[in-house]
Structures are given as structure tokens and as C-alpha cells.
């Protein structure tokens, strides 16, 4: 609700700008009041500063935008951040890699809400990003309607959620499953990106009349998650993260994950299987990898394991694990409605209605 003790605020009273380092901290203090817990504001600012130095964000990779009062640079009215990304596109013109972005951390100071400030900020941001990018993504925590009015198209949010009941003991991890450390992930991301690029060439050749899009599952993108994970784990439980995922011994299937200690979930960043393998092998591989993920979930004392946009083999594998483990493990295939609703926007007024968002998994979240 707008604060009646503050005078009316209109776009003529504010200035849109890329934030100075000092304004970044002011913005983090503002949004940290809502987003920091259970961390302190100081710890939260430390996390954001750590993320600003990752390969994804450094050297202008992430830009921090603010609306500040025209008479005082320290009065932050609204703020957000925009991170550069790469995306694959396949349509009737062929397949290509395009410059894209992720929009995140949209926040308006409570005393300036209900005055159209966030909408004004986002329209200004859209003008800025449209000059250099083709499309962008955001993950809404305020439902599906608000951003749709600003030209964003929301997408379905299927997910598989494992809930570990009291007394659950994780199944043994097979000898053909190897846990991954961060140093193992770079080569897998390169392999994944190569395979996805080939798949998009085939989609372009098929020319089904739709536009297919996927954000590249690069190591730069994944390492941002790893840095966030490592910082929070150290601050909250004084523990170092060792395992970043698991792979099959033959190297044809793997999972990457993120320990979300604030939401108390192990979140799978990426599921990869080899298209050349048969259905039964892919399902068997994912089952084996899910056992490793459940072991990691249990080891960190987390009550839930989450997988976004599960494919057919993930649903089949999750069902198989559930049947084997019994009542101490609950598995639910559901539609996520309470947060992180993925939305796309193409520059200008291009229609997103016929876009198929491929590989819409957690690695692309920001």
C-alpha cells in the first residue's frame, strides 16, 4: 500500500539509471528486509557481492538498475538486476545462438508501492535490453498476471517433488554412479551444450511452424548457482559443498544440483540423458542418479528433492524409486503455482505465443 506520509510520486520525480556501487548496497539493504532471512542483512549483502564477482556477473555481465529520486541519489524507489545469457533458437530461418538475459530481484521500497514505479522501471529496462538482446526470462513470485501486462508470457510449471518422511533411509548408491565435484562439471556442460545445439539444428530442419528456445546450460551459468550455494552453506551451517551432482560411470547421463538451505530443498539444476540410448536405459540411469540425489538430500538434512520440467524418463524413474522405497518417501507430480513461474519476453512486440521453451530446468533460474 502506498504510504500517505510520502508526497505523490510520478515518473517525473524519479531517474532511471544503472546503479552505482553505493546504490547497489542501498538496494540490497531494501530488498534484504524481505529476502535475507534466515540470513542477516550483512550476510545477504555478502552473498550478493559474491555473486557480482562470478563469471556470469562480473565485467558488466549483470547490470543493476534503479529508480532513484531526482533530488536524492540515495533514495532508492525501485530496483532490479539483469544478467546476460546465451540462448539457442530454432525456427523457420534456422538455428542460432542469440544474446539473451535474465531479469531478477525486482523490488520497490514499501513506501513507494502502488504508484506504478516497478512498471515504470521495467519499461525502462525493456528499452535498454531490447537494444542488445533478442529475448529474456524472469521467474515470477507474484503470480502470472502482473508481468503478462508488461509483455511477458508465462509458461507451465510441472515439477516432481520428493518428500522424505521421518525415518527415511536413502537407498544405496550404485557402484556405477559417481558423485561430481565442481571441477568435473565444466566438461559436462560443454558436452551438454554441444548436444543441445545439434538438437536445435534438427528442430530447425523439422520446421514445425514454432519457435523453440533454450538457455544454454553453460558452466558459467551453473557456477553462479554453485557460488550462491557455497556462500549460503558456509554462512548458515558452516559446511563446504563437495558434491555438485552425479553421473553414470559411462558418462552418458548425469544430474547437477543445488542445495537450497533457505527453502530446505535439494534442487536439480539439470537432468541430462543421451538421446542415442534406448528408453529403458535412460530411465534406469535416471533412477540410479535419483538415488544419489536422495542420498545427498538426506545427508544435508533436507526434507525435499525438487526437479523442474521433468521429462518422460524422469517421471518414470521417479515413479520407480517411489515404488521401491515405500511409505517413507512421497513423490508428487504437480504444477508449481506459488513461485518461480517462468516467463519469456521477446524484444519489441514479437509474439511469444508459439514459443516452445525447451530444457526449462532450474539451471536457467536467476
Foldseek 3Di string as FASTA:
>chain_A
DAAPVDPADDPVFKDKDFDDPVLVLLLLLQCCVPVVPVHDSVLSVVLVVLLCPAPFRDPNQKTKMFIAGPVDSSRTFWIWMKGWFWKWKAALVAIDIWIEIEIDDTDGRPNNPPNCPSVVNVVVVLVVVLVGTFKYKYFFQPFDPPVVVVFKAFDWKKKKKKFFAPPADFDDQDPQKDFDFLVPVQVVLVVVQVVVRVVSRVVNVVRPRFMEMETRLHSSLQVSLQSSQQSCCCRPVNDGDGGQWMFGNVRAWIWGWGQDVRVLEIETQATGHHPPDDLVVLLVRLLSRVSVVVNVSVVVVGRMYMWIPDDPSNVSSVVVNDVVRDDSMDMDTDIDGNIRGMIMHTRDNDDCVRYDYPRPINSPHD
